[in-house]
Protein backbone atom coordinates (compact mmCIF):
# COMPACT_ATOMS: atom_id res chain seq x y z
CA UNK A 1 20.46 -38.50 -44.51
CA UNK A 2 17.62 -35.92 -44.63
CA UNK A 3 16.88 -32.46 -43.64
CA UNK A 4 15.49 -31.95 -40.38
CA UNK A 5 13.56 -28.06 -39.31
CA UNK A 6 12.31 -26.71 -36.58
CA UNK A 7 9.84 -24.36 -37.60
CA UNK A 8 8.86 -22.57 -34.18
CA UNK A 9 12.52 -21.76 -33.93
CA UNK A 10 13.41 -21.21 -37.55
CA UNK A 11 16.86 -23.45 -37.22
CA UNK A 12 17.45 -25.70 -40.15
CA UNK A 13 19.83 -28.35 -39.80
CA UNK A 14 21.04 -29.73 -43.49
CA UNK A 15 23.26 -32.85 -44.74
CA UNK A 16 26.26 -31.19 -46.38
CA UNK A 17 25.42 -33.60 -49.30
CA UNK A 18 22.15 -31.71 -50.31
CA UNK A 19 21.95 -28.81 -51.74
CA UNK A 20 19.89 -26.35 -50.42
CA UNK A 21 17.51 -23.43 -51.23
CA UNK A 22 18.35 -19.65 -51.48
CA UNK A 23 16.21 -19.37 -48.44
CA UNK A 24 17.69 -22.17 -46.32
CA UNK A 25 21.08 -20.83 -47.52
CA UNK A 26 20.21 -17.57 -45.60
CA UNK A 27 19.29 -19.28 -42.89
CA UNK A 28 22.36 -21.09 -42.35
CA UNK A 29 24.54 -18.26 -43.23
CA UNK A 30 22.50 -16.47 -40.30
CA UNK A 31 21.62 -18.90 -38.04
CA UNK A 32 19.26 -18.20 -34.99
CA UNK A 33 20.59 -18.25 -31.87
CA UNK A 34 21.06 -21.84 -29.62
CA UNK A 35 17.93 -22.89 -28.33
CA UNK A 36 19.57 -22.33 -24.91
CA UNK A 37 20.28 -18.59 -25.47
CA UNK A 38 17.10 -18.40 -26.32
CA UNK A 39 15.61 -19.43 -23.44
CA UNK A 40 18.17 -17.44 -21.26
CA UNK A 41 16.92 -14.24 -22.96
CA UNK A 42 13.24 -14.83 -22.76
CA UNK A 43 13.44 -15.97 -19.14
CA UNK A 44 15.78 -13.50 -17.29
CA UNK A 45 15.45 -13.69 -13.85
CA UNK A 46 14.57 -10.25 -12.43
CA UNK A 47 17.72 -8.06 -10.81
CA UNK A 48 18.08 -7.98 -7.10
CA UNK A 49 16.62 -4.57 -7.17
CA UNK A 50 13.80 -5.66 -8.67
CA UNK A 51 13.18 -8.39 -6.25
CA UNK A 52 13.91 -6.21 -3.26
CA UNK A 53 10.88 -5.73 -1.12
CA UNK A 54 9.83 -4.22 2.39
CA UNK A 55 6.49 -4.52 4.37
CA UNK A 56 5.78 -1.33 2.72
CA UNK A 57 5.75 -2.47 -1.02
CA UNK A 58 2.29 -3.70 -1.04
CA UNK A 59 0.50 -0.29 -0.13
CA UNK A 60 3.17 1.60 -2.33
CA UNK A 61 2.20 -0.24 -5.06
CA UNK A 62 -1.30 0.33 -4.04
CA UNK A 63 -1.60 3.69 -3.92
CA UNK A 64 -0.76 3.71 -7.92
CA UNK A 65 -4.48 2.95 -8.29
CA UNK A 66 -6.38 5.17 -5.61
CA UNK A 67 -7.27 7.80 -7.90
CA UNK A 68 -9.48 7.28 -10.91
CA UNK A 69 -8.46 9.30 -14.28
CA UNK A 70 -10.38 12.46 -13.22
CA UNK A 71 -8.29 12.42 -10.05
CA UNK A 72 -10.85 11.35 -8.04
CA UNK A 73 -10.19 8.94 -4.81
CA UNK A 74 -11.79 5.26 -5.48
CA UNK A 75 -13.35 3.22 -2.55
CA UNK A 76 -11.60 -0.31 -2.84
CA UNK A 77 -8.21 0.67 -3.60
CA UNK A 78 -8.03 3.34 -1.08
CA UNK A 79 -9.61 1.03 1.81
CA UNK A 80 -7.09 -1.72 -0.06
CA UNK A 81 -3.90 0.75 0.97
CA UNK A 82 -5.10 0.82 4.42
CA UNK A 83 -5.58 -2.68 4.91
CA UNK A 84 -2.31 -3.46 3.31
CA UNK A 85 -0.54 -0.94 6.17
CA UNK A 86 -1.78 -3.54 8.96
CA UNK A 87 0.82 -5.90 8.61
CA UNK A 88 3.11 -3.04 9.39
CA UNK A 89 1.00 -2.74 12.62
CA UNK A 90 1.77 -6.22 13.86
CA UNK A 91 5.06 -5.99 13.99
CA UNK A 92 4.80 -3.16 17.08
CA UNK A 93 3.53 -6.23 18.37
CA UNK A 94 0.96 -5.21 21.72
CA UNK A 95 1.63 -1.88 21.63
CA UNK A 96 -0.54 -1.06 18.35
CA UNK A 97 -3.50 -3.50 19.52
CA UNK A 98 -5.84 -0.67 19.82
CA UNK A 99 -4.82 1.01 16.68
CA UNK A 100 -5.15 -1.84 14.86
CA UNK A 101 -8.41 -2.78 16.05
CA UNK A 102 -9.93 0.51 15.47
CA UNK A 103 -8.38 1.01 11.75
CA UNK A 104 -9.40 -2.76 10.83
CA UNK A 105 -13.20 -1.76 12.30
CA UNK A 106 -13.56 1.30 10.15
CA UNK A 107 -12.17 -0.53 6.89
CA UNK A 108 -14.61 -2.75 7.71
CA UNK A 109 -17.66 -0.46 8.29
CA UNK A 110 -16.66 0.95 4.46
CA UNK A 111 -16.21 -1.76 2.82
CA UNK A 112 -19.45 -3.35 3.69
CA UNK A 113 -21.17 -0.05 2.59
CA UNK A 114 -19.13 -0.41 -0.75
CA UNK A 115 -19.91 -3.84 -1.41
CA UNK A 116 -23.85 -3.17 -0.92
CA UNK A 117 -23.61 -1.25 -4.28
CA UNK A 118 -20.15 -0.86 -5.50
CA UNK A 119 -21.11 1.17 -8.79
CA UNK A 120 -22.99 3.81 -6.50
CA UNK A 121 -20.23 4.07 -3.87
CA UNK A 122 -17.34 3.71 -6.25
CA UNK A 123 -15.51 7.24 -5.22
CA UNK A 124 -15.12 7.25 -1.56
CA UNK A 125 -16.87 10.56 -0.69
CA UNK A 126 -20.13 9.40 -2.25
CA UNK A 127 -20.98 7.41 0.82
CA UNK A 128 -20.63 10.65 2.99
CA UNK A 129 -22.55 12.89 0.71
CA UNK A 130 -25.33 10.47 0.83
CA UNK A 131 -25.27 10.28 4.69
CA UNK A 132 -24.65 14.33 4.95
CA UNK A 133 -28.25 14.37 2.64
CA UNK A 134 -30.13 12.27 5.28
CA UNK A 135 -28.72 13.97 7.98
CA UNK A 136 -27.05 10.86 9.26
CA UNK A 137 -23.35 11.53 8.83
CA UNK A 138 -22.49 12.41 12.53
CA UNK A 139 -23.91 9.28 13.95
CA UNK A 140 -21.38 6.91 15.62
CA UNK A 141 -21.70 4.11 13.25
CA UNK A 142 -21.93 6.12 10.15
CA UNK A 143 -19.64 5.83 7.32
CA UNK A 144 -18.87 9.13 7.55
CA UNK A 145 -17.69 8.64 10.72
CA UNK A 146 -15.64 5.55 9.71
CA UNK A 147 -13.92 7.61 7.05
CA UNK A 148 -12.83 10.17 9.44
CA UNK A 149 -11.45 7.73 12.16
CA UNK A 150 -9.74 5.89 9.68
CA UNK A 151 -7.98 9.03 8.26
CA UNK A 152 -6.79 10.22 11.98
CA UNK A 153 -5.38 6.74 12.47
CA UNK A 154 -3.70 6.85 9.47
CA UNK A 155 -2.29 10.60 10.13
CA UNK A 156 -0.72 8.95 13.24
CA UNK A 157 1.02 6.64 11.53
CA UNK A 158 2.32 8.74 8.81
CA UNK A 159 3.65 10.71 11.63
CA UNK A 160 5.16 8.19 13.31
CA UNK A 161 7.00 6.99 10.40
CA UNK A 162 8.32 10.32 9.54
CA UNK A 163 9.71 10.25 13.44
CA UNK A 164 11.27 7.36 12.89
CA UNK A 165 13.30 8.61 9.67
CA UNK A 166 13.44 12.09 11.20
CA UNK A 167 14.43 11.62 14.84
CA UNK A 168 17.28 8.80 14.92
CA UNK A 169 18.27 9.20 18.35
CA UNK A 170 14.35 8.81 19.72
CA UNK A 171 13.11 5.50 21.15
CA UNK A 172 9.99 3.68 19.73
CA UNK A 173 8.05 5.02 22.80
CA UNK A 174 9.06 8.61 22.00
CA UNK A 175 8.38 8.16 18.51
CA UNK A 176 4.93 7.03 19.20
CA UNK A 177 4.20 9.28 21.82
CA UNK A 178 4.89 12.44 19.84
CA UNK A 179 3.06 11.27 17.14
CA UNK A 180 0.12 10.90 19.26
CA UNK A 181 0.01 14.06 20.76
CA UNK A 182 0.39 15.81 17.40
CA UNK A 183 -2.77 13.88 15.75
CA UNK A 184 -5.10 11.53 17.60
CA UNK A 185 -4.75 12.94 21.46
CA UNK A 186 -6.92 16.25 20.46
CA UNK A 187 -9.49 14.56 19.53
CA UNK A 188 -9.61 11.86 22.08
CA UNK A 189 -11.70 11.83 25.87
CA UNK A 190 -9.35 11.09 28.66
CA UNK A 191 -10.20 6.94 28.83
CA UNK A 192 -9.10 6.69 25.34
CA UNK A 193 -5.97 8.85 26.09
CA UNK A 194 -4.67 6.92 29.24
CA UNK A 195 -5.11 3.61 27.37
CA UNK A 196 -2.97 4.58 24.42
CA UNK A 197 -0.27 6.09 27.17
CA UNK A 198 -0.41 2.87 28.54
CA UNK A 199 0.06 0.93 25.47
CA UNK A 200 3.09 3.02 24.43
CA UNK A 201 4.73 1.39 27.33
CA UNK A 202 4.66 -1.76 25.29
CA UNK A 203 6.22 -0.48 22.33
CA UNK A 204 8.99 -2.74 20.47
CA UNK A 205 12.93 -1.98 20.46
CA UNK A 206 13.56 0.59 17.88
CA UNK A 207 16.40 -1.20 15.93
CA UNK A 208 14.88 -4.71 16.26
CA UNK A 209 11.22 -3.48 14.45
CA UNK A 210 13.32 -1.59 11.90
CA UNK A 211 15.19 -4.91 11.22
CA UNK A 212 12.24 -6.65 11.10
CA UNK A 213 9.98 -4.62 8.74
CA UNK A 214 13.07 -3.66 6.08
CA UNK A 215 12.97 -6.92 4.07
CA UNK A 216 15.10 -7.16 1.26
CA UNK A 217 14.43 -3.88 0.29
CA UNK A 218 15.83 0.12 1.41
CA UNK A 219 13.56 0.80 4.14
CA UNK A 220 14.01 4.22 5.11
CA UNK A 221 13.57 4.89 1.46
CA UNK A 222 10.27 3.11 1.32
CA UNK A 223 9.20 4.83 4.24
CA UNK A 224 9.93 8.15 2.71
CA UNK A 225 7.94 7.37 -0.12
CA UNK A 226 5.14 6.34 2.00
CA UNK A 227 4.97 9.09 4.07
CA UNK A 228 5.20 12.04 0.81
CA UNK A 229 2.67 9.37 -1.32
CA UNK A 230 -0.03 8.92 1.09
CA UNK A 231 -0.01 11.83 3.18
CA UNK A 232 -2.05 13.89 0.05
CA UNK A 233 -4.69 11.32 -0.24
CA UNK A 234 -5.10 11.83 3.56
CA UNK A 235 -5.13 15.95 3.37
CA UNK A 236 -7.87 15.35 0.48
CA UNK A 237 -10.15 13.39 3.06
CA UNK A 238 -9.74 15.97 5.31
CA UNK A 239 -10.40 19.03 2.95
CA UNK A 240 -13.58 17.14 1.86
CA UNK A 241 -14.76 16.55 5.25
CA UNK A 242 -14.37 20.17 6.44
CA UNK A 243 -16.27 21.27 3.38
CA UNK A 244 -19.24 19.64 4.58
CA UNK A 245 -18.34 20.37 8.17
CA UNK A 246 -17.38 17.27 9.57
CA UNK A 247 -14.00 17.07 10.03
CA UNK A 248 -14.23 18.30 13.88
CA UNK A 249 -16.20 15.13 15.52
CA UNK A 250 -14.51 14.15 18.42
CA UNK A 251 -14.67 10.64 20.33
CA UNK A 252 -18.27 10.08 21.96
């Protein structure tokens, strides 16, 4: 009977009637693990913790890439994180339709500018600096205006999610109204403020909402992580806009 060898796995099978070389005897004395064991070690399935995800998982992963190695906020990664929050707003239903539309519109405005010259606008504030130089930053359709209102809308969401963690006895409507009062309301005119008040009456049941966004992960831990990680980016936006005198623009 001839000897058979599997060079890929380094396993030798020899007939007892054949003598073996020193190398072959070494392999026989210390055989490689069985093929099924090797496969199991290579393709070990992820643990339940590794698989656990909530609706915040994509944005939490995306936030790791928002800043460059020199600690500058990058345009595309920042906008991508903002987009990854939109599915969360979908879970609110009609109550967040206006907010989602506003966020989506401002993301699109900034994305279009970035796409026109990705290398030129790689850094988020580059388009604002250009508009400041051209004296177009205060225009209602400017990217500066878009960044400002996008940041304010995200302020509102961070405050809302904090309320859901810190005020367990509040209804969703209460949490939304309080967040709006602390963030967007002072920048809105009467019409926008009235529209928001009406929308809040459509806020979903708090318990059902939390259940829907929980997925298979720890939703409270992810909300806390989202708020603490994303807030510094928003503050940096405000600080920059304030440095060029553009953080106090109101709705026209």
